[in-house]
PDB file of all heavy atoms in Angstrom:
ATOM      1  N   ARG A   1     119.347  24.939 143.324  1.00  0.00           N
ATOM      2  CA  ARG A   1     118.499  23.996 144.054  1.00  0.00           C
ATOM      3  C   ARG A   1     117.379  23.533 143.121  1.00  0.00           C
ATOM      4  O   ARG A   1     117.045  24.223 142.144  1.00  0.00           O
ATOM      5  CB  ARG A   1     117.915  24.649 145.308  1.00  0.00           C
ATOM      6  CG  ARG A   1     118.959  25.206 146.278  1.00  0.00           C
ATOM      7  CD  ARG A   1     119.912  24.141 146.773  1.00  0.00           C
ATOM      8  NE  ARG A   1     120.951  24.703 147.668  1.00  0.00           N
ATOM      9  CZ  ARG A   1     122.055  24.065 147.993  1.00  0.00           C
ATOM     10  NH1 ARG A   1     122.300  22.858 147.513  1.00  0.00           N
ATOM     11  NH2 ARG A   1     122.941  24.643 148.794  1.00  0.00           N
ATOM     12  N   PRO A   2     116.787  22.366 143.392  1.00  0.00           N
ATOM     13  CA  PRO A   2     115.814  21.803 142.445  1.00  0.00           C
ATOM     14  C   PRO A   2     114.685  22.737 142.034  1.00  0.00           C
ATOM     15  O   PRO A   2     114.424  22.904 140.837  1.00  0.00           O
ATOM     16  CB  PRO A   2     115.294  20.567 143.185  1.00  0.00           C
ATOM     17  CG  PRO A   2     116.450  20.137 144.027  1.00  0.00           C
ATOM     18  CD  PRO A   2     117.098  21.411 144.485  1.00  0.00           C
ATOM     19  N   LEU A   3     114.010  23.362 142.987  1.00  0.00           N
ATOM     20  CA  LEU A   3     112.892  24.227 142.622  1.00  0.00           C
ATOM     21  C   LEU A   3     113.363  25.495 141.933  1.00  0.00           C
ATOM     22  O   LEU A   3     112.682  26.019 141.033  1.00  0.00           O
ATOM     23  CB  LEU A   3     112.045  24.556 143.851  1.00  0.00           C
ATOM     24  CG  LEU A   3     111.124  23.426 144.336  1.00  0.00           C
ATOM     25  CD1 LEU A   3     110.423  23.808 145.638  1.00  0.00           C
ATOM     26  CD2 LEU A   3     110.096  23.063 143.276  1.00  0.00           C
ATOM     27  N   GLU A   4     114.529  26.002 142.318  1.00  0.00           N
ATOM     28  CA  GLU A   4     115.098  27.152 141.608  1.00  0.00           C
ATOM     29  C   GLU A   4     115.355  26.790 140.146  1.00  0.00           C
ATOM     30  O   GLU A   4     115.111  27.600 139.243  1.00  0.00           O
ATOM     31  CB  GLU A   4     116.416  27.579 142.272  1.00  0.00           C
ATOM     32  CG  GLU A   4     116.267  28.157 143.661  1.00  0.00           C
ATOM     33  CD  GLU A   4     117.603  28.393 144.340  1.00  0.00           C
ATOM     34  OE1 GLU A   4     118.634  27.932 143.807  1.00  0.00           O
ATOM     35  OE2 GLU A   4     117.618  29.037 145.404  1.00  0.00           O
ATOM     36  N   PHE A   5     115.851  25.596 139.956  1.00  0.00           N
ATOM     37  CA  PHE A   5     116.118  25.111 138.602  1.00  0.00           C
ATOM     38  C   PHE A   5     114.830  25.043 137.788  1.00  0.00           C
ATOM     39  O   PHE A   5     114.759  25.582 136.675  1.00  0.00           O
ATOM     40  CB  PHE A   5     116.772  23.733 138.693  1.00  0.00           C
ATOM     41  CG  PHE A   5     117.044  23.073 137.373  1.00  0.00           C
ATOM     42  CD1 PHE A   5     118.114  23.472 136.600  1.00  0.00           C
ATOM     43  CD2 PHE A   5     116.232  22.043 136.920  1.00  0.00           C
ATOM     44  CE1 PHE A   5     118.377  22.855 135.376  1.00  0.00           C
ATOM     45  CE2 PHE A   5     116.485  21.417 135.706  1.00  0.00           C
ATOM     46  CZ  PHE A   5     117.561  21.830 134.936  1.00  0.00           C
ATOM     47  N   LEU A   6     113.806  24.408 138.341  1.00  0.00           N
ATOM     48  CA  LEU A   6     112.553  24.242 137.604  1.00  0.00           C
ATOM     49  C   LEU A   6     111.893  25.578 137.291  1.00  0.00           C
ATOM     50  O   LEU A   6     111.256  25.734 136.238  1.00  0.00           O
ATOM     51  CB  LEU A   6     111.585  23.359 138.411  1.00  0.00           C
ATOM     52  CG  LEU A   6     111.988  21.892 138.579  1.00  0.00           C
ATOM     53  CD1 LEU A   6     111.013  21.185 139.524  1.00  0.00           C
ATOM     54  CD2 LEU A   6     112.051  21.170 137.242  1.00  0.00           C
ATOM     55  N   ASN A   7     112.038  26.537 138.182  1.00  0.00           N
ATOM     56  CA  ASN A   7     111.391  27.843 137.981  1.00  0.00           C
ATOM     57  C   ASN A   7     111.906  28.585 136.745  1.00  0.00           C
ATOM     58  O   ASN A   7     111.250  29.522 136.274  1.00  0.00           O
ATOM     59  CB  ASN A   7     111.593  28.726 139.219  1.00  0.00           C
ATOM     60  CG  ASN A   7     110.654  28.350 140.349  1.00  0.00           C
ATOM     61  OD1 ASN A   7     109.575  27.810 140.116  1.00  0.00           O
ATOM     62  ND2 ASN A   7     111.056  28.621 141.585  1.00  0.00           N
ATOM     63  N   GLN A   8     113.038  28.169 136.223  1.00  0.00           N
ATOM     64  CA  GLN A   8     113.599  28.861 135.061  1.00  0.00           C
ATOM     65  C   GLN A   8     112.936  28.445 133.739  1.00  0.00           C
ATOM     66  O   GLN A   8     113.195  29.052 132.706  1.00  0.00           O
ATOM     67  CB  GLN A   8     115.107  28.609 134.987  1.00  0.00           C
ATOM     68  CG  GLN A   8     115.853  29.173 136.197  1.00  0.00           C
ATOM     69  CD  GLN A   8     117.341  28.907 136.121  1.00  0.00           C
ATOM     70  OE1 GLN A   8     118.089  29.638 135.482  1.00  0.00           O
ATOM     71  NE2 GLN A   8     117.778  27.844 136.775  1.00  0.00           N
ATOM     72  N   PHE A   9     112.073  27.431 133.766  1.00  0.00           N
ATOM     73  CA  PHE A   9     111.498  26.883 132.535  1.00  0.00           C
ATOM     74  C   PHE A   9     110.073  27.370 132.267  1.00  0.00           C
ATOM     75  O   PHE A   9     109.369  26.787 131.447  1.00  0.00           O
ATOM     76  CB  PHE A   9     111.497  25.352 132.597  1.00  0.00           C
ATOM     77  CG  PHE A   9     112.858  24.730 132.590  1.00  0.00           C
ATOM     78  CD1 PHE A   9     113.604  24.646 133.765  1.00  0.00           C
ATOM     79  CD2 PHE A   9     113.404  24.220 131.429  1.00  0.00           C
ATOM     80  CE1 PHE A   9     114.862  24.058 133.772  1.00  0.00           C
ATOM     81  CE2 PHE A   9     114.663  23.635 131.422  1.00  0.00           C
ATOM     82  CZ  PHE A   9     115.392  23.555 132.592  1.00  0.00           C
ATOM     83  N   LYS A  10     109.661  28.448 132.904  1.00  0.00           N
ATOM     84  CA  LYS A  10     108.247  28.825 132.886  1.00  0.00           C
ATOM     85  C   LYS A  10     107.708  29.234 131.519  1.00  0.00           C
ATOM     86  O   LYS A  10     106.505  29.184 131.291  1.00  0.00           O
ATOM     87  CB  LYS A  10     108.009  29.946 133.897  1.00  0.00           C
ATOM     88  CG  LYS A  10     108.036  29.467 135.343  1.00  0.00           C
ATOM     89  CD  LYS A  10     107.720  30.580 136.312  1.00  0.00           C
ATOM     90  CE  LYS A  10     107.689  30.056 137.741  1.00  0.00           C
ATOM     91  NZ  LYS A  10     107.433  31.140 138.730  1.00  0.00           N
ATOM     92  N   HIS A  11     108.540  29.654 130.609  1.00  0.00           N
ATOM     93  CA  HIS A  11     108.038  30.156 129.328  1.00  0.00           C
ATOM     94  C   HIS A  11     108.371  29.221 128.168  1.00  0.00           C
ATOM     95  O   HIS A  11     108.441  29.657 127.019  1.00  0.00           O
ATOM     96  CB  HIS A  11     108.592  31.556 129.063  1.00  0.00           C
ATOM     97  CG  HIS A  11     108.238  32.531 130.148  1.00  0.00           C
ATOM     98  ND1 HIS A  11     106.943  32.923 130.394  1.00  0.00           N
ATOM     99  CD2 HIS A  11     109.006  33.164 131.072  1.00  0.00           C
ATOM    100  CE1 HIS A  11     106.926  33.773 131.403  1.00  0.00           C
ATOM    101  NE2 HIS A  11     108.162  33.927 131.835  1.00  0.00           N
ATOM    102  N   ILE A  12     108.538  27.931 128.499  1.00  0.00           N
ATOM    103  CA  ILE A  12     108.830  26.929 127.473  1.00  0.00           C
ATOM    104  C   ILE A  12     107.565  26.112 127.208  1.00  0.00           C
ATOM    105  O   ILE A  12     106.988  25.537 128.120  1.00  0.00           O
ATOM    106  CB  ILE A  12     109.986  26.010 127.914  1.00  0.00           C
ATOM    107  CG1 ILE A  12     111.238  26.836 128.227  1.00  0.00           C
ATOM    108  CG2 ILE A  12     110.255  24.959 126.854  1.00  0.00           C
ATOM    109  CD1 ILE A  12     111.775  27.622 127.046  1.00  0.00           C
ATOM    110  N   ASP A  13     107.161  26.028 125.949  1.00  0.00           N
ATOM    111  CA  ASP A  13     105.904  25.343 125.617  1.00  0.00           C
ATOM    112  C   ASP A  13     106.058  23.830 125.517  1.00  0.00           C
ATOM    113  O   ASP A  13     105.196  23.088 125.980  1.00  0.00           O
ATOM    114  CB  ASP A  13     105.347  25.881 124.290  1.00  0.00           C
ATOM    115  CG  ASP A  13     104.861  27.312 124.403  1.00  0.00           C
ATOM    116  OD1 ASP A  13     104.446  27.709 125.513  1.00  0.00           O
ATOM    117  OD2 ASP A  13     104.910  28.039 123.395  1.00  0.00           O
ATOM    118  N   ASN A  14     107.128  23.358 124.891  1.00  0.00           N
ATOM    119  CA  ASN A  14     107.327  21.920 124.672  1.00  0.00           C
ATOM    120  C   ASN A  14     108.506  21.460 125.521  1.00  0.00           C
ATOM    121  O   ASN A  14     109.666  21.635 125.145  1.00  0.00           O
ATOM    122  CB  ASN A  14     107.582  21.647 123.184  1.00  0.00           C
ATOM    123  CG  ASN A  14     106.437  22.153 122.321  1.00  0.00           C
ATOM    124  OD1 ASN A  14     105.282  21.817 122.552  1.00  0.00           O
ATOM    125  ND2 ASN A  14     106.753  22.978 121.334  1.00  0.00           N
ATOM    126  N   LEU A  15     108.180  20.873 126.661  1.00  0.00           N
ATOM    127  CA  LEU A  15     109.176  20.665 127.714  1.00  0.00           C
ATOM    128  C   LEU A  15     109.099  19.246 128.263  1.00  0.00           C
ATOM    129  O   LEU A  15     108.013  18.706 128.494  1.00  0.00           O
ATOM    130  CB  LEU A  15     108.914  21.668 128.846  1.00  0.00           C
ATOM    131  CG  LEU A  15     109.785  21.606 130.098  1.00  0.00           C
ATOM    132  CD1 LEU A  15     111.250  21.873 129.772  1.00  0.00           C
ATOM    133  CD2 LEU A  15     109.278  22.624 131.125  1.00  0.00           C
ATOM    134  N   SER A  16     110.271  18.645 128.476  1.00  0.00           N
ATOM    135  CA  SER A  16     110.311  17.328 129.123  1.00  0.00           C
ATOM    136  C   SER A  16     111.488  17.254 130.082  1.00  0.00           C
ATOM    137  O   SER A  16     112.528  17.887 129.865  1.00  0.00           O
ATOM    138  CB  SER A  16     110.414  16.207 128.082  1.00  0.00           C
ATOM    139  OG  SER A  16     111.611  16.301 127.333  1.00  0.00           O
ATOM    140  N   PHE A  17     111.288  16.489 131.140  1.00  0.00           N
ATOM    141  CA  PHE A  17     112.346  16.211 132.103  1.00  0.00           C
ATOM    142  C   PHE A  17     112.552  14.696 132.141  1.00  0.00           C
ATOM    143  O   PHE A  17     111.587  13.935 132.164  1.00  0.00           O
ATOM    144  CB  PHE A  17     111.981  16.729 133.497  1.00  0.00           C
ATOM    145  CG  PHE A  17     111.901  18.226 133.568  1.00  0.00           C
ATOM    146  CD1 PHE A  17     110.678  18.873 133.551  1.00  0.00           C
ATOM    147  CD2 PHE A  17     113.049  18.998 133.632  1.00  0.00           C
ATOM    148  CE1 PHE A  17     110.589  20.252 133.603  1.00  0.00           C
ATOM    149  CE2 PHE A  17     112.979  20.379 133.677  1.00  0.00           C
ATOM    150  CZ  PHE A  17     111.745  21.014 133.664  1.00  0.00           C
ATOM    151  N   THR A  18     113.813  14.277 132.166  1.00  0.00           N
ATOM    152  CA  THR A  18     114.147  12.858 132.085  1.00  0.00           C
ATOM    153  C   THR A  18     114.540  12.315 133.456  1.00  0.00           C
ATOM    154  O   THR A  18     115.272  12.963 134.200  1.00  0.00           O
ATOM    155  CB  THR A  18     115.286  12.644 131.084  1.00  0.00           C
ATOM    156  OG1 THR A  18     114.876  13.151 129.811  1.00  0.00           O
ATOM    157  CG2 THR A  18     115.635  11.175 130.937  1.00  0.00           C
ATOM    158  N   HIS A  19     114.038  11.140 133.772  1.00  0.00           N
ATOM    159  CA  HIS A  19     114.282  10.367 134.993  1.00  0.00           C
ATOM    160  C   HIS A  19     113.357  10.810 136.135  1.00  0.00           C
ATOM    161  O   HIS A  19     112.360  10.148 136.405  1.00  0.00           O
ATOM    162  CB  HIS A  19     115.747  10.405 135.423  1.00  0.00           C
ATOM    163  CG  HIS A  19     116.697   9.924 134.387  1.00  0.00           C
ATOM    164  ND1 HIS A  19     116.577   8.697 133.763  1.00  0.00           N
ATOM    165  CD2 HIS A  19     117.787  10.513 133.818  1.00  0.00           C
ATOM    166  CE1 HIS A  19     117.539   8.548 132.889  1.00  0.00           C
ATOM    167  NE2 HIS A  19     118.291   9.633 132.892  1.00  0.00           N
ATOM    168  N   CYS A  20     113.712  11.860 136.858  1.00  0.00           N
ATOM    169  CA  CYS A  20     112.861  12.408 137.935  1.00  0.00           C
ATOM    170  C   CYS A  20     112.561  11.386 139.030  1.00  0.00           C
ATOM    171  O   CYS A  20     111.575  11.528 139.754  1.00  0.00           O
ATOM    172  CB  CYS A  20     111.537  12.936 137.368  1.00  0.00           C
ATOM    173  SG  CYS A  20     111.708  14.226 136.117  1.00  0.00           S
ATOM    174  N   VAL A  21     113.409  10.378 139.188  1.00  0.00           N
ATOM    175  CA  VAL A  21     113.102   9.309 140.137  1.00  0.00           C
ATOM    176  C   VAL A  21     113.234   9.766 141.593  1.00  0.00           C
ATOM    177  O   VAL A  21     112.667   9.149 142.495  1.00  0.00           O
ATOM    178  CB  VAL A  21     113.988   8.067 139.881  1.00  0.00           C
ATOM    179  CG1 VAL A  21     113.686   7.471 138.515  1.00  0.00           C
ATOM    180  CG2 VAL A  21     115.475   8.403 140.006  1.00  0.00           C
ATOM    181  N   GLU A  22     113.992  10.852 141.818  1.00  0.00           N
ATOM    182  CA  GLU A  22     114.141  11.383 143.172  1.00  0.00           C
ATOM    183  C   GLU A  22     113.355  12.680 143.369  1.00  0.00           C
ATOM    184  O   GLU A  22     113.545  13.386 144.367  1.00  0.00           O
ATOM    185  CB  GLU A  22     115.633  11.652 143.463  1.00  0.00           C
ATOM    186  CG  GLU A  22     116.501  10.398 143.487  1.00  0.00           C
ATOM    187  CD  GLU A  22     116.244   9.515 144.698  1.00  0.00           C
ATOM    188  OE1 GLU A  22     115.714  10.031 145.713  1.00  0.00           O
ATOM    189  OE2 GLU A  22     116.559   8.320 144.630  1.00  0.00           O
ATOM    190  N   ALA A  23     112.476  13.005 142.432  1.00  0.00           N
ATOM    191  CA  ALA A  23     111.698  14.236 142.527  1.00  0.00           C
ATOM    192  C   ALA A  23     110.727  14.182 143.705  1.00  0.00           C
ATOM    193  O   ALA A  23     110.046  13.169 143.926  1.00  0.00           O
ATOM    194  CB  ALA A  23     110.933  14.482 141.229  1.00  0.00           C
ATOM    195  N   SER A  24     110.644  15.287 144.461  1.00  0.00           N
ATOM    196  CA  SER A  24     109.731  15.373 145.596  1.00  0.00           C
ATOM    197  C   SER A  24     108.329  15.726 145.110  1.00  0.00           C
ATOM    198  O   SER A  24     108.114  16.037 143.932  1.00  0.00           O
ATOM    199  CB  SER A  24     110.213  16.447 146.569  1.00  0.00           C
ATOM    200  OG  SER A  24     110.095  17.739 145.956  1.00  0.00           O
ATOM    201  N   GLU A  25     107.390  15.724 146.038  1.00  0.00           N
ATOM    202  CA  GLU A  25     106.022  16.121 145.694  1.00  0.00           C
ATOM    203  C   GLU A  25     105.995  17.564 145.196  1.00  0.00           C
ATOM    204  O   GLU A  25     105.291  17.883 144.227  1.00  0.00           O
ATOM    205  CB  GLU A  25     105.111  15.961 146.911  1.00  0.00           C
ATOM    206  CG  GLU A  25     103.645  16.244 146.597  1.00  0.00           C
ATOM    207  CD  GLU A  25     102.731  15.961 147.779  1.00  0.00           C
ATOM    208  OE1 GLU A  25     103.155  15.257 148.713  1.00  0.00           O
ATOM    209  OE2 GLU A  25     101.590  16.460 147.775  1.00  0.00           O
ATOM    210  N   ASP A  26     106.775  18.434 145.844  1.00  0.00           N
ATOM    211  CA  ASP A  26     106.834  19.832 145.389  1.00  0.00           C
ATOM    212  C   ASP A  26     107.431  19.940 143.985  1.00  0.00           C
ATOM    213  O   ASP A  26     106.962  20.733 143.157  1.00  0.00           O
ATOM    214  CB  ASP A  26     107.660  20.675 146.364  1.00  0.00           C
ATOM    215  CG  ASP A  26     106.931  20.937 147.675  1.00  0.00           C
ATOM    216  OD1 ASP A  26     105.703  20.755 147.715  1.00  0.00           O
ATOM    217  OD2 ASP A  26     107.609  21.315 148.648  1.00  0.00           O
ATOM    218  N   ASP A  27     108.471  19.139 143.725  1.00  0.00           N
ATOM    219  CA  ASP A  27     109.065  19.129 142.390  1.00  0.00           C
ATOM    220  C   ASP A  27     108.040  18.701 141.349  1.00  0.00           C
ATOM    221  O   ASP A  27     107.925  19.326 140.272  1.00  0.00           O
ATOM    222  CB  ASP A  27     110.258  18.166 142.332  1.00  0.00           C
ATOM    223  CG  ASP A  27     111.403  18.568 143.238  1.00  0.00           C
ATOM    224  OD1 ASP A  27     111.569  19.776 143.497  1.00  0.00           O
ATOM    225  OD2 ASP A  27     112.129  17.664 143.686  1.00  0.00           O
ATOM    226  N   LEU A  28     107.314  17.642 141.649  1.00  0.00           N
ATOM    227  CA  LEU A  28     106.324  17.134 140.698  1.00  0.00           C
ATOM    228  C   LEU A  28     105.197  18.137 140.485  1.00  0.00           C
ATOM    229  O   LEU A  28     104.698  18.292 139.360  1.00  0.00           O
ATOM    230  CB  LEU A  28     105.766  15.792 141.178  1.00  0.00           C
ATOM    231  CG  LEU A  28     106.753  14.620 141.163  1.00  0.00           C
ATOM    232  CD1 LEU A  28     106.099  13.369 141.729  1.00  0.00           C
ATOM    233  CD2 LEU A  28     107.272  14.350 139.753  1.00  0.00           C
ATOM    234  N   GLU A  29     104.807  18.811 141.549  1.00  0.00           N
ATOM    235  CA  GLU A  29     103.775  19.856 141.403  1.00  0.00           C
ATOM    236  C   GLU A  29     104.264  20.940 140.442  1.00  0.00           C
ATOM    237  O   GLU A  29     103.499  21.446 139.617  1.00  0.00           O
ATOM    238  CB  GLU A  29     103.445  20.467 142.769  1.00  0.00           C
ATOM    239  CG  GLU A  29     102.672  19.542 143.712  1.00  0.00           C
ATOM    240  CD  GLU A  29     101.173  19.553 143.445  1.00  0.00           C
ATOM    241  OE1 GLU A  29     100.746  20.183 142.470  1.00  0.00           O
ATOM    242  OE2 GLU A  29     100.452  18.917 144.227  1.00  0.00           O
ATOM    243  N   GLN A  30     105.540  21.311 140.562  1.00  0.00           N
ATOM    244  CA  GLN A  30     106.085  22.335 139.675  1.00  0.00           C
ATOM    245  C   GLN A  30     106.178  21.829 138.238  1.00  0.00           C
ATOM    246  O   GLN A  30     105.880  22.559 137.285  1.00  0.00           O
ATOM    247  CB  GLN A  30     107.459  22.785 140.175  1.00  0.00           C
ATOM    248  CG  GLN A  30     108.100  23.882 139.349  1.00  0.00           C
ATOM    249  CD  GLN A  30     107.362  25.212 139.437  1.00  0.00           C
ATOM    250  OE1 GLN A  30     106.262  25.304 139.964  1.00  0.00           O
ATOM    251  NE2 GLN A  30     107.965  26.252 138.895  1.00  0.00           N
ATOM    252  N   ILE A  31     106.584  20.564 138.063  1.00  0.00           N
ATOM    253  CA  ILE A  31     106.636  19.969 136.727  1.00  0.00           C
ATOM    254  C   ILE A  31     105.245  19.955 136.107  1.00  0.00           C
ATOM    255  O   ILE A  31     105.067  20.261 134.921  1.00  0.00           O
ATOM    256  CB  ILE A  31     107.246  18.554 136.799  1.00  0.00           C
ATOM    257  CG1 ILE A  31     108.749  18.655 137.097  1.00  0.00           C
ATOM    258  CG2 ILE A  31     107.001  17.773 135.512  1.00  0.00           C
ATOM    259  CD1 ILE A  31     109.415  17.330 137.407  1.00  0.00           C
ATOM    260  N   LYS A  32     104.250  19.641 136.917  1.00  0.00           N
ATOM    261  CA  LYS A  32     102.862  19.674 136.451  1.00  0.00           C
ATOM    262  C   LYS A  32     102.482  21.078 135.999  1.00  0.00           C
ATOM    263  O   LYS A  32     101.879  21.261 134.923  1.00  0.00           O
ATOM    264  CB  LYS A  32     101.945  19.204 137.577  1.00  0.00           C
ATOM    265  CG  LYS A  32     100.464  19.531 137.393  1.00  0.00           C
ATOM    266  CD  LYS A  32      99.837  18.771 136.256  1.00  0.00           C
ATOM    267  CE  LYS A  32      98.339  19.050 136.184  1.00  0.00           C
ATOM    268  NZ  LYS A  32      97.710  18.393 135.010  1.00  0.00           N
ATOM    269  N   SER A  33     102.817  22.085 136.796  1.00  0.00           N
ATOM    270  CA  SER A  33     102.446  23.467 136.466  1.00  0.00           C
ATOM    271  C   SER A  33     103.124  23.942 135.189  1.00  0.00           C
ATOM    272  O   SER A  33     102.607  24.824 134.493  1.00  0.00           O
ATOM    273  CB  SER A  33     102.798  24.405 137.628  1.00  0.00           C
ATOM    274  OG  SER A  33     104.194  24.618 137.712  1.00  0.00           O
ATOM    275  N   LEU A  34     104.279  23.362 134.874  1.00  0.00           N
ATOM    276  CA  LEU A  34     105.007  23.730 133.660  1.00  0.00           C
ATOM    277  C   LEU A  34     104.442  23.044 132.416  1.00  0.00           C
ATOM    278  O   LEU A  34     104.857  23.337 131.297  1.00  0.00           O
ATOM    279  CB  LEU A  34     106.484  23.368 133.807  1.00  0.00           C
ATOM    280  CG  LEU A  34     107.277  24.166 134.846  1.00  0.00           C
ATOM    281  CD1 LEU A  34     108.645  23.518 135.083  1.00  0.00           C
ATOM    282  CD2 LEU A  34     107.444  25.608 134.414  1.00  0.00           C
ATOM    283  N   GLY A  35     103.517  22.103 132.618  1.00  0.00           N
ATOM    284  CA  GLY A  35     102.947  21.369 131.492  1.00  0.00           C
ATOM    285  C   GLY A  35     103.936  20.416 130.848  1.00  0.00           C
ATOM    286  O   GLY A  35     103.829  20.097 129.661  1.00  0.00           O
ATOM    287  N   ALA A  36     104.894  19.940 131.634  1.00  0.00           N
ATOM    288  CA  ALA A  36     105.973  19.107 131.095  1.00  0.00           C
ATOM    289  C   ALA A  36     105.607  17.627 131.104  1.00  0.00           C
ATOM    290  O   ALA A  36     104.721  17.176 131.826  1.00  0.00           O
ATOM    291  CB  ALA A  36     107.253  19.328 131.902  1.00  0.00           C
ATOM    292  N   THR A  37     106.325  16.874 130.293  1.00  0.00           N
ATOM    293  CA  THR A  37     106.252  15.419 130.257  1.00  0.00           C
ATOM    294  C   THR A  37     107.511  14.860 130.913  1.00  0.00           C
ATOM    295  O   THR A  37     108.571  15.470 130.844  1.00  0.00           O
ATOM    296  CB  THR A  37     106.172  14.931 128.799  1.00  0.00           C
ATOM    297  OG1 THR A  37     105.017  15.492 128.178  1.00  0.00           O
ATOM    298  CG2 THR A  37     106.099  13.410 128.706  1.00  0.00           C
ATOM    299  N   ILE A  38     107.388  13.705 131.563  1.00  0.00           N
ATOM    300  CA  ILE A  38     108.548  13.038 132.149  1.00  0.00           C
ATOM    301  C   ILE A  38     108.950  11.866 131.261  1.00  0.00           C
ATOM    302  O   ILE A  38     108.126  10.996 130.953  1.00  0.00           O
ATOM    303  CB  ILE A  38     108.261  12.561 133.581  1.00  0.00           C
ATOM    304  CG1 ILE A  38     108.108  13.775 134.505  1.00  0.00           C
ATOM    305  CG2 ILE A  38     109.372  11.639 134.088  1.00  0.00           C
ATOM    306  CD1 ILE A  38     107.770  13.436 135.938  1.00  0.00           C
ATOM    307  N   ASN A  39     110.216  11.860 130.820  1.00  0.00           N
ATOM    308  CA  ASN A  39     110.760  10.761 130.024  1.00  0.00           C
ATOM    309  C   ASN A  39     111.207   9.643 130.964  1.00  0.00           C
ATOM    310  O   ASN A  39     112.128   9.827 131.758  1.00  0.00           O
ATOM    311  CB  ASN A  39     111.952  11.238 129.194  1.00  0.00           C
ATOM    312  CG  ASN A  39     111.597  12.370 128.248  1.00  0.00           C
ATOM    313  OD1 ASN A  39     110.579  12.321 127.578  1.00  0.00           O
ATOM    314  ND2 ASN A  39     112.439  13.398 128.204  1.00  0.00           N
ATOM    315  N   HIS A  40     110.542   8.505 130.860  1.00  0.00           N
ATOM    316  CA  HIS A  40     110.821   7.360 131.726  1.00  0.00           C
ATOM    317  C   HIS A  40     111.828   6.447 131.034  1.00  0.00           C
ATOM    318  O   HIS A  40     111.552   5.904 129.967  1.00  0.00           O
ATOM    319  CB  HIS A  40     109.505   6.621 131.985  1.00  0.00           C
ATOM    320  CG  HIS A  40     109.603   5.517 132.992  1.00  0.00           C
ATOM    321  ND1 HIS A  40     110.622   5.420 133.908  1.00  0.00           N
ATOM    322  CD2 HIS A  40     108.775   4.444 133.226  1.00  0.00           C
ATOM    323  CE1 HIS A  40     110.423   4.356 134.671  1.00  0.00           C
ATOM    324  NE2 HIS A  40     109.322   3.744 134.271  1.00  0.00           N
ATOM    325  N   CYS A  41     113.013   6.286 131.649  1.00  0.00           N
ATOM    326  CA  CYS A  41     114.084   5.454 131.088  1.00  0.00           C
ATOM    327  C   CYS A  41     114.427   4.367 132.098  1.00  0.00           C
ATOM    328  O   CYS A  41     115.464   4.422 132.770  1.00  0.00           O
ATOM    329  CB  CYS A  41     115.303   6.296 130.755  1.00  0.00           C
ATOM    330  SG  CYS A  41     115.004   7.648 129.608  1.00  0.00           S
TER     331      CYS A  41
END
């Protein structure tokens, strides 16, 4: 599931997720907490 997936990236320093056009508010909050960048294509 989406949040289960994101939770696996907690110890990665240089991280990006691509697209994220269907990401929920909770998903985005988790992406924020991971310090990730979103690749906009």
